[in-house]
Amino acid sequence: MEDFVASAIQSGFAIAVAAYLLVRMESRLEELTKAIRDLQVAIVNRGGA
């Protein structure tokens, strides 16, 4: 029983850390996506001028 509890605690901690990192990275990925789109627009506008 103690082994099961220890395993559940370790798994829960790993899942919590992974979820935290995914939430933090999501906003950064959205910012990078916006920056890439802005860069694409700037390149297209400069090439067309």
N, C-alpha and C. Protein backbone atom coordinates (compact mmCIF):
# COMPACT_ATOMS: atom_id res chain seq x y z
N MET A 1 0.82 -1.20 0.00
CA MET A 1 0.00 0.00 0.00
C MET A 1 0.86 1.26 0.00
N GLU A 2 1.95 1.22 0.78
CA GLU A 2 2.84 2.38 0.83
C GLU A 2 3.50 2.63 -0.51
N ASP A 3 3.82 1.55 -1.22
CA ASP A 3 4.41 1.69 -2.55
C ASP A 3 3.44 2.37 -3.50
N PHE A 4 2.18 1.99 -3.40
CA PHE A 4 1.16 2.60 -4.26
C PHE A 4 1.02 4.09 -3.99
N VAL A 5 0.99 4.46 -2.74
CA VAL A 5 0.86 5.88 -2.36
C VAL A 5 2.07 6.66 -2.84
N ALA A 6 3.26 6.11 -2.64
CA ALA A 6 4.49 6.78 -3.08
C ALA A 6 4.49 6.95 -4.59
N SER A 7 4.07 5.93 -5.30
CA SER A 7 4.00 6.00 -6.76
C SER A 7 2.99 7.04 -7.21
N ALA A 8 1.84 7.09 -6.56
CA ALA A 8 0.81 8.07 -6.91
C ALA A 8 1.30 9.48 -6.64
N ILE A 9 2.02 9.70 -5.56
CA ILE A 9 2.54 11.03 -5.24
C ILE A 9 3.57 11.45 -6.28
N GLN A 10 4.47 10.54 -6.65
CA GLN A 10 5.48 10.87 -7.66
C GLN A 10 4.84 11.16 -9.00
N SER A 11 3.87 10.38 -9.40
CA SER A 11 3.19 10.60 -10.67
C SER A 11 2.42 11.91 -10.64
N GLY A 12 1.76 12.19 -9.55
CA GLY A 12 1.00 13.43 -9.43
C GLY A 12 1.91 14.64 -9.51
N PHE A 13 3.06 14.56 -8.88
CA PHE A 13 4.01 15.67 -8.94
C PHE A 13 4.49 15.88 -10.37
N ALA A 14 4.82 14.82 -11.06
CA ALA A 14 5.28 14.92 -12.45
C ALA A 14 4.19 15.52 -13.34
N ILE A 15 2.97 15.10 -13.14
CA ILE A 15 1.86 15.64 -13.93
C ILE A 15 1.65 17.11 -13.63
N ALA A 16 1.75 17.50 -12.37
CA ALA A 16 1.58 18.90 -12.00
C ALA A 16 2.68 19.77 -12.61
N VAL A 17 3.90 19.30 -12.59
CA VAL A 17 5.01 20.07 -13.18
C VAL A 17 4.81 20.20 -14.69
N ALA A 18 4.44 19.12 -15.35
CA ALA A 18 4.21 19.15 -16.79
C ALA A 18 3.08 20.11 -17.15
N ALA A 19 2.01 20.08 -16.40
CA ALA A 19 0.88 20.98 -16.66
C ALA A 19 1.29 22.44 -16.46
N TYR A 20 2.04 22.72 -15.41
CA TYR A 20 2.51 24.08 -15.15
C TYR A 20 3.38 24.58 -16.31
N LEU A 21 4.30 23.75 -16.76
CA LEU A 21 5.18 24.16 -17.86
C LEU A 21 4.40 24.37 -19.15
N LEU A 22 3.42 23.52 -19.43
CA LEU A 22 2.61 23.69 -20.64
C LEU A 22 1.82 24.99 -20.61
N VAL A 23 1.27 25.33 -19.45
CA VAL A 23 0.51 26.57 -19.34
C VAL A 23 1.42 27.78 -19.55
N ARG A 24 2.60 27.74 -18.97
CA ARG A 24 3.54 28.85 -19.13
C ARG A 24 4.02 28.98 -20.57
N MET A 25 4.27 27.86 -21.21
CA MET A 25 4.80 27.90 -22.58
C MET A 25 3.73 28.30 -23.59
N GLU A 26 2.47 28.06 -23.27
CA GLU A 26 1.41 28.38 -24.22
C GLU A 26 1.40 29.87 -24.57
N SER A 27 1.53 30.72 -23.57
CA SER A 27 1.51 32.16 -23.85
C SER A 27 2.73 32.57 -24.66
N ARG A 28 3.86 31.97 -24.39
CA ARG A 28 5.08 32.29 -25.15
C ARG A 28 4.95 31.83 -26.59
N LEU A 29 4.35 30.67 -26.81
CA LEU A 29 4.14 30.19 -28.17
C LEU A 29 3.19 31.10 -28.94
N GLU A 30 2.16 31.61 -28.27
CA GLU A 30 1.24 32.54 -28.92
C GLU A 30 1.96 33.83 -29.30
N GLU A 31 2.84 34.32 -28.42
CA GLU A 31 3.60 35.53 -28.73
C GLU A 31 4.54 35.31 -29.91
N LEU A 32 5.18 34.15 -29.96
CA LEU A 32 6.07 33.85 -31.07
C LEU A 32 5.29 33.72 -32.38
N THR A 33 4.12 33.11 -32.33
CA THR A 33 3.29 32.99 -33.52
C THR A 33 2.89 34.37 -34.04
N LYS A 34 2.52 35.27 -33.14
CA LYS A 34 2.16 36.63 -33.55
C LYS A 34 3.37 37.36 -34.15
N ALA A 35 4.53 37.18 -33.56
CA ALA A 35 5.74 37.83 -34.08
C ALA A 35 6.08 37.32 -35.47
N ILE A 36 5.91 36.03 -35.70
CA ILE A 36 6.18 35.46 -37.02
C ILE A 36 5.20 36.00 -38.05
N ARG A 37 3.94 36.12 -37.67
CA ARG A 37 2.94 36.67 -38.60
C ARG A 37 3.24 38.13 -38.91
N ASP A 38 3.62 38.90 -37.89
CA ASP A 38 3.97 40.31 -38.11
C ASP A 38 5.18 40.42 -39.04
N LEU A 39 6.15 39.56 -38.85
CA LEU A 39 7.33 39.57 -39.71
C LEU A 39 6.97 39.22 -41.14
N GLN A 40 6.08 38.25 -41.30
CA GLN A 40 5.63 37.87 -42.64
C GLN A 40 4.95 39.04 -43.33
N VAL A 41 4.09 39.75 -42.61
CA VAL A 41 3.40 40.91 -43.18
C VAL A 41 4.41 42.00 -43.56
N ALA A 42 5.40 42.23 -42.70
CA ALA A 42 6.41 43.24 -42.98
C ALA A 42 7.21 42.88 -44.22
N ILE A 43 7.55 41.62 -44.38
CA ILE A 43 8.32 41.18 -45.54
C ILE A 43 7.49 41.33 -46.82
N VAL A 44 6.24 40.93 -46.75
CA VAL A 44 5.36 41.04 -47.94
C VAL A 44 5.17 42.52 -48.30
N ASN A 45 4.94 43.39 -47.33
CA ASN A 45 4.74 44.80 -47.60
C ASN A 45 6.00 45.45 -48.18
N ARG A 46 7.15 45.06 -47.67
CA ARG A 46 8.40 45.64 -48.18
C ARG A 46 8.67 45.17 -49.61
N GLY A 47 8.37 43.92 -49.89
CA GLY A 47 8.59 43.38 -51.24
C GLY A 47 7.64 43.97 -52.26
N GLY A 48 6.45 44.35 -51.82
CA GLY A 48 5.46 44.91 -52.74
C GLY A 48 5.64 46.40 -53.00
N ALA A 49 6.45 47.06 -52.16
CA ALA A 49 6.58 48.52 -52.29
C ALA A 49 7.61 48.90 -53.32
